[in-house]
Amino acid sequence: MAALHYGPLTLVQPLGALTLVAALPLGAYRARRRVTRTEWRGALWTLAGLVGLVAVTGPAAPARRSACASRWSSPRRRRS
């Protein structure tokens, strides 16, 4: 949920789904087995789908900055 303060859903959701691809070799390593060709093929199709989704939807430019982003990026003014 916090990631939505920094980017649109069309960009955040595919990045969340990317964890499935990252978990594939890590899970295989932990189980002490090799990743099969079928699993690699599935990972590649997942990556292709995510790239296609982001290419079609495109990250929308935010209309305004979120309160959190503006709080951290704007310099503080000193009170006199």
Protein backbone atom coordinates (compact mmCIF):
# COMPACT_ATOMS: atom_id res chain seq x y z
CA MET A 1 0.00 0.00 0.00
CA ALA A 2 2.80 2.44 0.77
CA ALA A 3 4.20 1.98 -2.74
CA LEU A 4 1.09 3.62 -4.20
CA HIS A 5 2.26 6.90 -2.68
CA TYR A 6 5.30 6.81 -4.97
CA GLY A 7 3.83 5.52 -8.23
CA PRO A 8 0.61 4.67 -10.05
CA LEU A 9 -1.06 1.28 -9.71
CA THR A 10 -0.24 0.45 -13.35
CA LEU A 11 3.44 0.44 -12.38
CA VAL A 12 3.27 -0.86 -8.79
CA GLN A 13 1.18 -3.96 -9.53
CA PRO A 14 3.53 -5.41 -12.20
CA LEU A 15 6.47 -4.84 -9.88
CA GLY A 16 4.66 -6.83 -7.21
CA ALA A 17 4.06 -9.65 -9.69
CA LEU A 18 7.76 -9.58 -10.54
CA THR A 19 8.44 -11.13 -7.14
CA LEU A 20 7.07 -14.40 -8.54
CA VAL A 21 9.87 -14.48 -11.08
CA ALA A 22 12.45 -13.64 -8.42
CA ALA A 23 11.10 -16.33 -6.09
CA LEU A 24 11.56 -19.09 -8.67
CA PRO A 25 15.36 -19.52 -8.44
CA LEU A 26 15.38 -18.71 -4.73
CA GLY A 27 12.80 -21.39 -3.99
CA ALA A 28 14.63 -23.93 -6.10
CA TYR A 29 17.89 -23.14 -4.31
CA ARG A 30 16.28 -23.56 -0.93
CA ALA A 31 14.71 -26.87 -1.98
CA ARG A 32 18.13 -27.95 -3.33
CA ARG A 33 16.85 -28.64 -6.82
CA ARG A 34 17.29 -27.21 -10.29
CA VAL A 35 14.77 -24.97 -12.01
CA THR A 36 13.22 -26.92 -14.89
CA ARG A 37 12.89 -25.66 -18.44
CA THR A 38 9.14 -25.48 -18.03
CA GLU A 39 9.55 -23.24 -14.99
CA TRP A 40 12.01 -20.96 -16.82
CA ARG A 41 9.61 -20.81 -19.75
CA GLY A 42 6.82 -19.79 -17.40
CA ALA A 43 9.04 -17.12 -15.87
CA LEU A 44 9.87 -15.74 -19.32
CA TRP A 45 6.19 -15.64 -20.29
CA THR A 46 5.44 -13.86 -17.03
CA LEU A 47 8.15 -11.29 -17.78
CA ALA A 48 6.85 -10.83 -21.32
CA GLY A 49 3.35 -10.31 -20.00
CA LEU A 50 4.51 -7.75 -17.45
CA VAL A 51 6.51 -5.85 -20.06
CA GLY A 52 3.49 -5.89 -22.38
CA LEU A 53 1.18 -4.70 -19.62
CA VAL A 54 3.42 -1.78 -18.71
CA ALA A 55 3.96 -0.94 -22.39
CA VAL A 56 0.22 -0.85 -23.09
CA THR A 57 -0.92 0.93 -19.94
CA GLY A 58 2.18 3.04 -19.48
CA PRO A 59 2.93 4.65 -16.17
CA ALA A 60 0.54 7.58 -15.93
CA ALA A 61 2.02 10.90 -14.96
CA PRO A 62 0.62 11.85 -11.57
CA ALA A 63 -1.64 14.88 -11.62
CA ARG A 64 -0.26 16.05 -8.32
CA ARG A 65 2.40 14.99 -5.89
CA SER A 66 1.32 12.98 -2.90
CA ALA A 67 1.58 14.56 0.52
CA CYS A 68 4.27 12.09 1.52
CA ALA A 69 6.43 12.80 -1.54
CA SER A 70 6.14 16.55 -1.19
CA ARG A 71 6.92 16.37 2.54
CA TRP A 72 10.20 14.55 1.96
CA SER A 73 11.37 16.37 -1.15
CA SER A 74 10.67 20.00 -0.30
CA PRO A 75 13.21 21.85 1.82
CA ARG A 76 12.05 23.02 5.20
CA ARG A 77 11.86 26.70 5.86
CA ARG A 78 13.28 28.09 9.03
CA ARG A 79 11.09 30.07 11.30
CA SER A 80 12.57 33.33 12.46
